[in-house]
Amino acid sequence: MAKHIAELIINSAHIHIANINKCLRNSKSDIVTDFIQSTNNGIVITTNKPANDLNLSTIEKYLKSIQNVDLDLIESPCLPKSKSYMKIIGLPYKINQDVIFPDFIEGVLKETHLFKGIVLASKPHIIKASPKSDMAVVWVNIWDSQSGSSAKNIINRHFNIERFIATIKGTNMNPGVLQCKNCWKWGHSTLSCRSHISRCAKCYRAHITKHHREKAWCCMENKKANHLATKEGEPCPHVFKCMNCKGNHQADSYSCPYWCNRFNCEWHGRKQQELFRK
């Protein structure tokens, strides 16, 4: 849904809620819409119970009847989707001496009949089955119905990746090792952080990252030291030092070894032990 259409509906949300509920009652439905909220993709209409196809059709008909709304910009309403979590086993960590990469796995899945019509929710994540193993575990998340029908159709099925036979297994969500957005350390969530001071991911000083230009000595103006402030819109010209790996990048960089191994709990465990021994 176009942004200006969403804003038009949101600005008179209470009126549209009342009108939608009236239409639903006229269609002999027992569901009630509670509220409307905007998202990056359009609007979300929340109801008191799961809607069916007839309810969706009624809501769509009302939305297309709103004045000053272009019918071509109103997409058909759909029920929210959930994620199903799976892992693929039976694959070596290296094929033809090369480590398997997410793009390679994603390309194979697109060509496999089992995944026809299935959309990946994120790129596959690949880790070793164990630190000394030569086998891999591939974590795959897919968009699915709330009943998980797509996952049920492919779990415990087998398919080929080159000469190897891979097996799809169901699993629980694998969020990996968490990185705190308050102190930028790994191993705990932001909500459970014990630090009373928010740290900057760029310079690790006592301010939040979005205030780096205004608060960091390297970017802020210092007349006594004849130091000019970094101009708005220009990247910070200074080299950052990651507080986790000590590399030349900020703490939330995708190139950080901690980020690259976020699904490898044993790797993070070894790093924690190394810190304790120091």
C-alpha atoms as a PDB file:
ATOM      1  CA  MET A   1       0.000   0.000   0.000  1.00  0.00           C
ATOM      2  CA  ALA A   2       1.312   3.434  -0.948  1.00  0.00           C
ATOM      3  CA  LYS A   3       2.503   5.583   1.983  1.00  0.00           C
ATOM      4  CA  HIS A   4       0.072   8.447   1.318  1.00  0.00           C
ATOM      5  CA  ILE A   5      -2.872   6.007   1.221  1.00  0.00           C
ATOM      6  CA  ALA A   6      -1.795   4.506   4.542  1.00  0.00           C
ATOM      7  CA  GLU A   7      -1.539   7.987   6.092  1.00  0.00           C
ATOM      8  CA  LEU A   8      -4.999   8.885   4.762  1.00  0.00           C
ATOM      9  CA  ILE A   9      -6.496   5.865   6.508  1.00  0.00           C
ATOM     10  CA  ILE A  10      -4.477   6.247   9.732  1.00  0.00           C
ATOM     11  CA  ASN A  11      -5.423   9.909  10.138  1.00  0.00           C
ATOM     12  CA  SER A  12      -9.102   8.922  10.395  1.00  0.00           C
ATOM     13  CA  ALA A  13      -8.543   5.507  11.941  1.00  0.00           C
ATOM     14  CA  HIS A  14     -11.414   5.746  14.452  1.00  0.00           C
ATOM     15  CA  ILE A  15     -13.912   6.460  11.675  1.00  0.00           C
ATOM     16  CA  HIS A  16     -12.657   3.599   9.505  1.00  0.00           C
ATOM     17  CA  ILE A  17     -12.725   1.168  12.432  1.00  0.00           C
ATOM     18  CA  ALA A  18     -16.394   1.996  13.062  1.00  0.00           C
ATOM     19  CA  ASN A  19     -17.251   1.637   9.367  1.00  0.00           C
ATOM     20  CA  ILE A  20     -15.373  -1.648   8.977  1.00  0.00           C
ATOM     21  CA  ASN A  21     -17.159  -3.097  12.016  1.00  0.00           C
ATOM     22  CA  LYS A  22     -20.499  -2.001  10.534  1.00  0.00           C
ATOM     23  CA  CYS A  23     -19.665  -3.791   7.277  1.00  0.00           C
ATOM     24  CA  LEU A  24     -18.618  -6.904   9.161  1.00  0.00           C
ATOM     25  CA  ARG A  25     -21.880  -6.948  11.135  1.00  0.00           C
ATOM     26  CA  ASN A  26     -23.856  -6.584   7.904  1.00  0.00           C
ATOM     27  CA  SER A  27     -22.018  -9.621   6.527  1.00  0.00           C
ATOM     28  CA  LYS A  28     -23.115 -11.660   9.591  1.00  0.00           C
ATOM     29  CA  SER A  29     -19.568 -11.836  10.935  1.00  0.00           C
ATOM     30  CA  ASP A  30     -18.844 -12.060  14.663  1.00  0.00           C
ATOM     31  CA  ILE A  31     -15.336 -10.604  14.511  1.00  0.00           C
ATOM     32  CA  VAL A  32     -14.614  -7.019  15.544  1.00  0.00           C
ATOM     33  CA  THR A  33     -11.725  -4.790  14.461  1.00  0.00           C
ATOM     34  CA  ASP A  34      -9.951  -3.220  17.441  1.00  0.00           C
ATOM     35  CA  PHE A  35      -7.476  -0.765  15.948  1.00  0.00           C
ATOM     36  CA  ILE A  36      -5.412   0.173  12.893  1.00  0.00           C
ATOM     37  CA  GLN A  37      -1.681   0.859  12.892  1.00  0.00           C
ATOM     38  CA  SER A  38       0.805   1.753  10.170  1.00  0.00           C
ATOM     39  CA  THR A  39       3.883  -0.284   9.197  1.00  0.00           C
ATOM     40  CA  ASN A  40       6.600   0.080   6.601  1.00  0.00           C
ATOM     41  CA  ASN A  41       4.553  -2.078   4.236  1.00  0.00           C
ATOM     42  CA  GLY A  42       1.126  -0.433   4.721  1.00  0.00           C
ATOM     43  CA  ILE A  43      -1.394  -0.843   7.520  1.00  0.00           C
ATOM     44  CA  VAL A  44      -2.259  -3.590   9.986  1.00  0.00           C
ATOM     45  CA  ILE A  45      -5.864  -4.041  11.117  1.00  0.00           C
ATOM     46  CA  THR A  46      -6.100  -5.948  14.381  1.00  0.00           C
ATOM     47  CA  THR A  47      -9.228  -8.004  15.134  1.00  0.00           C
ATOM     48  CA  ASN A  48     -10.513  -9.751  18.245  1.00  0.00           C
ATOM     49  CA  LYS A  49     -10.152 -13.199  16.625  1.00  0.00           C
ATOM     50  CA  PRO A  50      -8.650 -14.723  13.446  1.00  0.00           C
ATOM     51  CA  ALA A  51     -10.316 -13.497  10.245  1.00  0.00           C
ATOM     52  CA  ASN A  52     -11.440 -15.735   7.378  1.00  0.00           C
ATOM     53  CA  ASP A  53     -11.536 -15.133   3.616  1.00  0.00           C
ATOM     54  CA  LEU A  54     -15.028 -13.626   3.775  1.00  0.00           C
ATOM     55  CA  ASN A  55     -13.899 -11.131   6.440  1.00  0.00           C
ATOM     56  CA  LEU A  56     -10.875 -10.156   4.341  1.00  0.00           C
ATOM     57  CA  SER A  57     -13.097  -9.647   1.312  1.00  0.00           C
ATOM     58  CA  THR A  58     -15.428  -7.399   3.338  1.00  0.00           C
ATOM     59  CA  ILE A  59     -12.520  -5.301   4.613  1.00  0.00           C
ATOM     60  CA  GLU A  60     -11.039  -5.002   1.118  1.00  0.00           C
ATOM     61  CA  LYS A  61     -14.388  -3.874  -0.305  1.00  0.00           C
ATOM     62  CA  TYR A  62     -14.657  -1.144   2.342  1.00  0.00           C
ATOM     63  CA  LEU A  63     -11.065   0.087   1.833  1.00  0.00           C
ATOM     64  CA  LYS A  64     -11.697   0.450  -1.898  1.00  0.00           C
ATOM     65  CA  SER A  65     -14.827   2.504  -1.185  1.00  0.00           C
ATOM     66  CA  ILE A  66     -12.937   5.212   0.729  1.00  0.00           C
ATOM     67  CA  GLN A  67     -12.974   8.566  -1.058  1.00  0.00           C
ATOM     68  CA  ASN A  68      -9.751   9.841  -2.659  1.00  0.00           C
ATOM     69  CA  VAL A  69      -8.268   6.338  -2.688  1.00  0.00           C
ATOM     70  CA  ASP A  70      -6.830   4.965  -5.935  1.00  0.00           C
ATOM     71  CA  LEU A  71      -8.222   1.431  -6.311  1.00  0.00           C
ATOM     72  CA  ASP A  72      -5.052   0.255  -8.052  1.00  0.00           C
ATOM     73  CA  LEU A  73      -3.018   1.129  -4.955  1.00  0.00           C
ATOM     74  CA  ILE A  74      -5.124  -1.025  -2.600  1.00  0.00           C
ATOM     75  CA  GLU A  75      -3.641  -4.501  -2.328  1.00  0.00           C
ATOM     76  CA  SER A  76      -5.759  -7.453  -1.242  1.00  0.00           C
ATOM     77  CA  PRO A  77      -5.676  -7.890   2.566  1.00  0.00           C
ATOM     78  CA  CYS A  78      -3.918 -11.009   3.798  1.00  0.00           C
ATOM     79  CA  LEU A  79      -3.476 -12.764   7.102  1.00  0.00           C
ATOM     80  CA  PRO A  80      -0.177 -12.293   8.946  1.00  0.00           C
ATOM     81  CA  LYS A  81       2.508 -14.882   8.315  1.00  0.00           C
ATOM     82  CA  SER A  82       4.782 -16.515  10.814  1.00  0.00           C
ATOM     83  CA  LYS A  83       8.216 -18.050  10.513  1.00  0.00           C
ATOM     84  CA  SER A  84       9.057 -21.741  10.528  1.00  0.00           C
ATOM     85  CA  TYR A  85      12.529 -22.843  11.549  1.00  0.00           C
ATOM     86  CA  MET A  86      14.414 -25.775  10.073  1.00  0.00           C
ATOM     87  CA  LYS A  87      17.919 -27.129   9.761  1.00  0.00           C
ATOM     88  CA  ILE A  88      19.493 -29.065   6.929  1.00  0.00           C
ATOM     89  CA  ILE A  89      21.934 -31.830   7.878  1.00  0.00           C
ATOM     90  CA  GLY A  90      24.016 -34.372   5.998  1.00  0.00           C
ATOM     91  CA  LEU A  91      26.225 -31.862   4.191  1.00  0.00           C
ATOM     92  CA  PRO A  92      30.001 -31.455   4.462  1.00  0.00           C
ATOM     93  CA  TYR A  93      31.344 -28.098   5.568  1.00  0.00           C
ATOM     94  CA  LYS A  94      33.427 -28.013   2.383  1.00  0.00           C
ATOM     95  CA  ILE A  95      32.412 -29.161  -1.109  1.00  0.00           C
ATOM     96  CA  ASN A  96      35.252 -29.536  -3.623  1.00  0.00           C
ATOM     97  CA  GLN A  97      37.652 -28.008  -1.078  1.00  0.00           C
ATOM     98  CA  ASP A  98      35.549 -24.835  -0.814  1.00  0.00           C
ATOM     99  CA  VAL A  99      33.514 -23.830   2.255  1.00  0.00           C
ATOM    100  CA  ILE A 100      29.811 -23.769   1.413  1.00  0.00           C
ATOM    101  CA  PHE A 101      28.346 -20.263   1.452  1.00  0.00           C
ATOM    102  CA  PRO A 102      24.783 -18.996   2.101  1.00  0.00           C
ATOM    103  CA  ASP A 103      24.385 -17.824  -1.512  1.00  0.00           C
ATOM    104  CA  PHE A 104      25.260 -21.314  -2.774  1.00  0.00           C
ATOM    105  CA  ILE A 105      22.702 -22.964  -0.462  1.00  0.00           C
ATOM    106  CA  GLU A 106      20.065 -20.372  -1.359  1.00  0.00           C
ATOM    107  CA  GLY A 107      20.615 -21.037  -5.069  1.00  0.00           C
ATOM    108  CA  VAL A 108      20.254 -24.795  -4.596  1.00  0.00           C
ATOM    109  CA  LEU A 109      17.039 -24.403  -2.574  1.00  0.00           C
ATOM    110  CA  LYS A 110      15.491 -22.265  -5.341  1.00  0.00           C
ATOM    111  CA  GLU A 111      16.127 -25.093  -7.821  1.00  0.00           C
ATOM    112  CA  THR A 112      14.837 -27.844  -5.507  1.00  0.00           C
ATOM    113  CA  HIS A 113      11.212 -28.889  -6.060  1.00  0.00           C
ATOM    114  CA  LEU A 114      10.660 -29.212  -2.303  1.00  0.00           C
ATOM    115  CA  PHE A 115      11.105 -25.457  -1.865  1.00  0.00           C
ATOM    116  CA  LYS A 116       8.913 -24.460  -4.805  1.00  0.00           C
ATOM    117  CA  GLY A 117       6.678 -21.571  -3.718  1.00  0.00           C
ATOM    118  CA  ILE A 118       8.520 -21.212  -0.402  1.00  0.00           C
ATOM    119  CA  VAL A 119      10.108 -17.855   0.468  1.00  0.00           C
ATOM    120  CA  LEU A 120      13.139 -17.691   2.746  1.00  0.00           C
ATOM    121  CA  ALA A 121      12.738 -15.283   5.668  1.00  0.00           C
ATOM    122  CA  SER A 122      16.502 -14.688   5.794  1.00  0.00           C
ATOM    123  CA  LYS A 123      19.700 -16.002   4.298  1.00  0.00           C
ATOM    124  CA  PRO A 124      20.690 -19.535   5.359  1.00  0.00           C
ATOM    125  CA  HIS A 125      23.153 -19.690   8.268  1.00  0.00           C
ATOM    126  CA  ILE A 126      25.942 -22.266   8.091  1.00  0.00           C
ATOM    127  CA  ILE A 127      28.042 -23.540  10.989  1.00  0.00           C
ATOM    128  CA  LYS A 128      30.155 -26.611  11.668  1.00  0.00           C
ATOM    129  CA  ALA A 129      28.320 -29.469  13.383  1.00  0.00           C
ATOM    130  CA  SER A 130      31.080 -29.299  16.029  1.00  0.00           C
ATOM    131  CA  PRO A 131      34.447 -27.517  16.192  1.00  0.00           C
ATOM    132  CA  LYS A 132      36.413 -30.546  14.898  1.00  0.00           C
ATOM    133  CA  SER A 133      33.726 -31.871  12.547  1.00  0.00           C
ATOM    134  CA  ASP A 134      33.916 -31.700   8.758  1.00  0.00           C
ATOM    135  CA  MET A 135      30.103 -31.673   8.525  1.00  0.00           C
ATOM    136  CA  ALA A 136      27.836 -28.633   8.446  1.00  0.00           C
ATOM    137  CA  VAL A 137      24.467 -27.620   9.862  1.00  0.00           C
ATOM    138  CA  VAL A 138      22.479 -25.192   7.723  1.00  0.00           C
ATOM    139  CA  TRP A 139      19.810 -23.156   9.539  1.00  0.00           C
ATOM    140  CA  VAL A 140      16.912 -22.112   7.299  1.00  0.00           C
ATOM    141  CA  ASN A 141      13.983 -19.830   8.220  1.00  0.00           C
ATOM    142  CA  ILE A 142      10.956 -19.620   5.905  1.00  0.00           C
ATOM    143  CA  TRP A 143       7.789 -17.546   5.765  1.00  0.00           C
ATOM    144  CA  ASP A 144       4.897 -19.853   6.558  1.00  0.00           C
ATOM    145  CA  SER A 145       1.229 -19.886   7.477  1.00  0.00           C
ATOM    146  CA  GLN A 146       0.355 -19.695  11.158  1.00  0.00           C
ATOM    147  CA  SER A 147      -0.319 -23.454  11.097  1.00  0.00           C
ATOM    148  CA  GLY A 148       3.143 -24.118   9.667  1.00  0.00           C
ATOM    149  CA  SER A 149       1.761 -26.034   6.667  1.00  0.00           C
ATOM    150  CA  SER A 150       4.744 -25.379   4.389  1.00  0.00           C
ATOM    151  CA  ALA A 151       7.240 -26.650   6.957  1.00  0.00           C
ATOM    152  CA  LYS A 152       5.154 -29.762   7.628  1.00  0.00           C
ATOM    153  CA  ASN A 153       5.305 -30.638   3.927  1.00  0.00           C
ATOM    154  CA  ILE A 154       9.100 -30.677   3.746  1.00  0.00           C
ATOM    155  CA  ILE A 155      10.310 -31.703   7.216  1.00  0.00           C
ATOM    156  CA  ASN A 156      12.030 -35.134   7.155  1.00  0.00           C
ATOM    157  CA  ARG A 157      12.270 -34.981   3.351  1.00  0.00           C
ATOM    158  CA  HIS A 158      15.543 -35.525   1.497  1.00  0.00           C
ATOM    159  CA  PHE A 159      17.126 -33.851  -1.523  1.00  0.00           C
ATOM    160  CA  ASN A 160      20.460 -33.732  -3.328  1.00  0.00           C
ATOM    161  CA  ILE A 161      23.103 -31.059  -3.114  1.00  0.00           C
ATOM    162  CA  GLU A 162      25.594 -32.269  -5.702  1.00  0.00           C
ATOM    163  CA  ARG A 163      26.404 -35.877  -4.732  1.00  0.00           C
ATOM    164  CA  PHE A 164      25.317 -35.481  -1.114  1.00  0.00           C
ATOM    165  CA  ILE A 165      21.876 -36.309   0.306  1.00  0.00           C
ATOM    166  CA  ALA A 166      20.602 -33.557   2.608  1.00  0.00           C
ATOM    167  CA  THR A 167      17.847 -34.031   5.183  1.00  0.00           C
ATOM    168  CA  ILE A 168      15.454 -31.323   6.386  1.00  0.00           C
ATOM    169  CA  LYS A 169      14.686 -31.340  10.111  1.00  0.00           C
ATOM    170  CA  GLY A 170      12.325 -29.197  12.126  1.00  0.00           C
ATOM    171  CA  THR A 171      13.839 -27.148  14.925  1.00  0.00           C
ATOM    172  CA  ASN A 172      13.143 -24.292  17.302  1.00  0.00           C
ATOM    173  CA  MET A 173      14.086 -20.712  16.582  1.00  0.00           C
ATOM    174  CA  ASN A 174      17.846 -20.227  16.556  1.00  0.00           C
ATOM    175  CA  PRO A 175      18.420 -16.556  17.456  1.00  0.00           C
ATOM    176  CA  GLY A 176      22.141 -17.156  17.909  1.00  0.00           C
ATOM    177  CA  VAL A 177      24.235 -15.355  20.500  1.00  0.00           C
ATOM    178  CA  LEU A 178      22.708 -11.999  21.400  1.00  0.00           C
ATOM    179  CA  GLN A 179      24.539  -8.694  21.220  1.00  0.00           C
ATOM    180  CA  CYS A 180      23.468  -6.016  23.668  1.00  0.00           C
ATOM    181  CA  LYS A 181      22.599  -2.677  22.042  1.00  0.00           C
ATOM    182  CA  ASN A 182      23.363  -0.847  25.295  1.00  0.00           C
ATOM    183  CA  CYS A 183      26.932  -1.924  26.118  1.00  0.00           C
ATOM    184  CA  TRP A 184      27.622  -3.744  22.774  1.00  0.00           C
ATOM    185  CA  LYS A 185      28.957  -6.854  24.469  1.00  0.00           C
ATOM    186  CA  TRP A 186      27.857 -10.309  23.370  1.00  0.00           C
ATOM    187  CA  GLY A 187      26.024 -12.921  25.418  1.00  0.00           C
ATOM    188  CA  HIS A 188      23.056 -10.996  26.819  1.00  0.00           C
ATOM    189  CA  SER A 189      20.095  -8.975  25.564  1.00  0.00           C
ATOM    190  CA  THR A 190      19.649  -5.219  25.808  1.00  0.00           C
ATOM    191  CA  LEU A 191      16.825  -5.633  28.328  1.00  0.00           C
ATOM    192  CA  SER A 192      18.957  -7.722  30.667  1.00  0.00           C
ATOM    193  CA  CYS A 193      22.049  -5.493  30.455  1.00  0.00           C
ATOM    194  CA  ARG A 194      23.468  -4.611  33.882  1.00  0.00           C
ATOM    195  CA  SER A 195      25.343  -1.552  32.690  1.00  0.00           C
ATOM    196  CA  HIS A 196      23.796   1.748  33.769  1.00  0.00           C
ATOM    197  CA  ILE A 197      25.676   3.600  31.027  1.00  0.00           C
ATOM    198  CA  SER A 198      24.870   3.417  27.323  1.00  0.00           C
ATOM    199  CA  ARG A 199      27.945   3.051  25.150  1.00  0.00           C
ATOM    200  CA  CYS A 200      28.651   4.231  21.603  1.00  0.00           C
ATOM    201  CA  ALA A 201      29.220   1.429  19.077  1.00  0.00           C
ATOM    202  CA  LYS A 202      31.781   3.617  17.289  1.00  0.00           C
ATOM    203  CA  CYS A 203      34.037   5.020  20.018  1.00  0.00           C
ATOM    204  CA  TYR A 204      32.696   3.131  23.093  1.00  0.00           C
ATOM    205  CA  ARG A 205      32.364   6.327  25.117  1.00  0.00           C
ATOM    206  CA  ALA A 206      29.424   7.089  27.407  1.00  0.00           C
ATOM    207  CA  HIS A 207      26.804   8.204  24.880  1.00  0.00           C
ATOM    208  CA  ILE A 208      24.432   6.450  22.486  1.00  0.00           C
ATOM    209  CA  THR A 209      25.680   5.832  18.948  1.00  0.00           C
ATOM    210  CA  LYS A 210      23.369   8.323  17.215  1.00  0.00           C
ATOM    211  CA  HIS A 211      24.896  11.131  19.361  1.00  0.00           C
ATOM    212  CA  HIS A 212      28.457  10.253  18.312  1.00  0.00           C
ATOM    213  CA  ARG A 213      28.994  13.416  16.265  1.00  0.00           C
ATOM    214  CA  GLU A 214      27.799  15.695  19.061  1.00  0.00           C
ATOM    215  CA  LYS A 215      29.506  13.925  21.981  1.00  0.00           C
ATOM    216  CA  ALA A 216      32.644  12.146  20.719  1.00  0.00           C
ATOM    217  CA  TRP A 217      35.923  14.058  21.052  1.00  0.00           C
ATOM    218  CA  CYS A 218      37.042  12.806  17.641  1.00  0.00           C
ATOM    219  CA  CYS A 219      34.080  14.334  15.810  1.00  0.00           C
ATOM    220  CA  MET A 220      32.927  17.262  17.928  1.00  0.00           C
ATOM    221  CA  GLU A 221      34.394  20.745  17.641  1.00  0.00           C
ATOM    222  CA  ASN A 222      37.224  21.657  20.013  1.00  0.00           C
ATOM    223  CA  LYS A 223      38.244  25.295  19.666  1.00  0.00           C
ATOM    224  CA  LYS A 224      41.074  25.014  22.221  1.00  0.00           C
ATOM    225  CA  ALA A 225      42.705  22.220  20.226  1.00  0.00           C
ATOM    226  CA  ASN A 226      41.879  23.957  16.931  1.00  0.00           C
ATOM    227  CA  HIS A 227      39.832  20.901  15.962  1.00  0.00           C
ATOM    228  CA  LEU A 228      36.896  21.343  13.579  1.00  0.00           C
ATOM    229  CA  ALA A 229      33.756  19.250  13.858  1.00  0.00           C
ATOM    230  CA  THR A 230      33.085  16.559  11.266  1.00  0.00           C
ATOM    231  CA  LYS A 231      30.733  18.044   8.689  1.00  0.00           C
ATOM    232  CA  GLU A 232      27.138  16.847   8.588  1.00  0.00           C
ATOM    233  CA  GLY A 233      26.666  14.099   6.024  1.00  0.00           C
ATOM    234  CA  GLU A 234      30.336  13.139   5.925  1.00  0.00           C
ATOM    235  CA  PRO A 235      31.522   9.829   7.436  1.00  0.00           C
ATOM    236  CA  CYS A 236      33.618   9.982  10.563  1.00  0.00           C
ATOM    237  CA  PRO A 237      37.251  10.092   9.306  1.00  0.00           C
ATOM    238  CA  HIS A 238      38.648   8.306  12.330  1.00  0.00           C
ATOM    239  CA  VAL A 239      39.511   4.630  12.734  1.00  0.00           C
ATOM    240  CA  PHE A 240      37.262   2.861  15.216  1.00  0.00           C
ATOM    241  CA  LYS A 241      38.385   0.122  17.564  1.00  0.00           C
ATOM    242  CA  CYS A 242      35.918  -2.704  18.269  1.00  0.00           C
ATOM    243  CA  MET A 243      35.708  -3.309  22.003  1.00  0.00           C
ATOM    244  CA  ASN A 244      35.058  -7.031  21.424  1.00  0.00           C
ATOM    245  CA  CYS A 245      37.652  -8.217  18.877  1.00  0.00           C
ATOM    246  CA  LYS A 246      39.870  -5.075  18.938  1.00  0.00           C
ATOM    247  CA  GLY A 247      39.591  -4.848  15.146  1.00  0.00           C
ATOM    248  CA  ASN A 248      39.467  -1.595  13.177  1.00  0.00           C
ATOM    249  CA  HIS A 249      35.684  -1.305  12.947  1.00  0.00           C
ATOM    250  CA  GLN A 250      32.777  -0.311  15.175  1.00  0.00           C
ATOM    251  CA  ALA A 251      31.242  -2.800  17.594  1.00  0.00           C
ATOM    252  CA  ASP A 252      28.144  -3.518  15.461  1.00  0.00           C
ATOM    253  CA  SER A 253      30.064  -4.146  12.213  1.00  0.00           C
ATOM    254  CA  TYR A 254      28.991  -7.122  10.082  1.00  0.00           C
ATOM    255  CA  SER A 255      32.687  -7.828   9.431  1.00  0.00           C
ATOM    256  CA  CYS A 256      33.411  -8.427  13.125  1.00  0.00           C
ATOM    257  CA  PRO A 257      34.368 -12.062  13.891  1.00  0.00           C
ATOM    258  CA  TYR A 258      31.866 -12.004  16.749  1.00  0.00           C
ATOM    259  CA  TRP A 259      29.061 -11.154  14.314  1.00  0.00           C
ATOM    260  CA  CYS A 260      30.235 -13.708  11.732  1.00  0.00           C
ATOM    261  CA  ASN A 261      30.140 -16.406  14.443  1.00  0.00           C
ATOM    262  CA  ARG A 262      26.894 -15.271  16.086  1.00  0.00           C
ATOM    263  CA  PHE A 263      25.285 -18.668  15.419  1.00  0.00           C
ATOM    264  CA  ASN A 264      28.282 -20.567  16.757  1.00  0.00           C
ATOM    265  CA  CYS A 265      27.729 -20.772  20.515  1.00  0.00           C
ATOM    266  CA  GLU A 266      30.879 -22.872  21.044  1.00  0.00           C
ATOM    267  CA  TRP A 267      33.035 -20.208  19.360  1.00  0.00           C
ATOM    268  CA  HIS A 268      31.607 -17.528  21.648  1.00  0.00           C
ATOM    269  CA  GLY A 269      32.089 -19.833  24.630  1.00  0.00           C
ATOM    270  CA  ARG A 270      35.784 -20.235  23.808  1.00  0.00           C
ATOM    271  CA  LYS A 271      36.157 -16.452  23.506  1.00  0.00           C
ATOM    272  CA  GLN A 272      34.573 -15.998  26.940  1.00  0.00           C
ATOM    273  CA  GLN A 273      36.993 -18.515  28.453  1.00  0.00           C
ATOM    274  CA  GLU A 274      39.930 -16.678  26.863  1.00  0.00           C
ATOM    275  CA  LEU A 275      38.763 -13.437  28.492  1.00  0.00           C
ATOM    276  CA  PHE A 276      38.482 -15.107  31.913  1.00  0.00           C
ATOM    277  CA  ARG A 277      42.023 -16.511  31.621  1.00  0.00           C
ATOM    278  CA  LYS A 278      43.496 -13.053  30.960  1.00  0.00           C
END
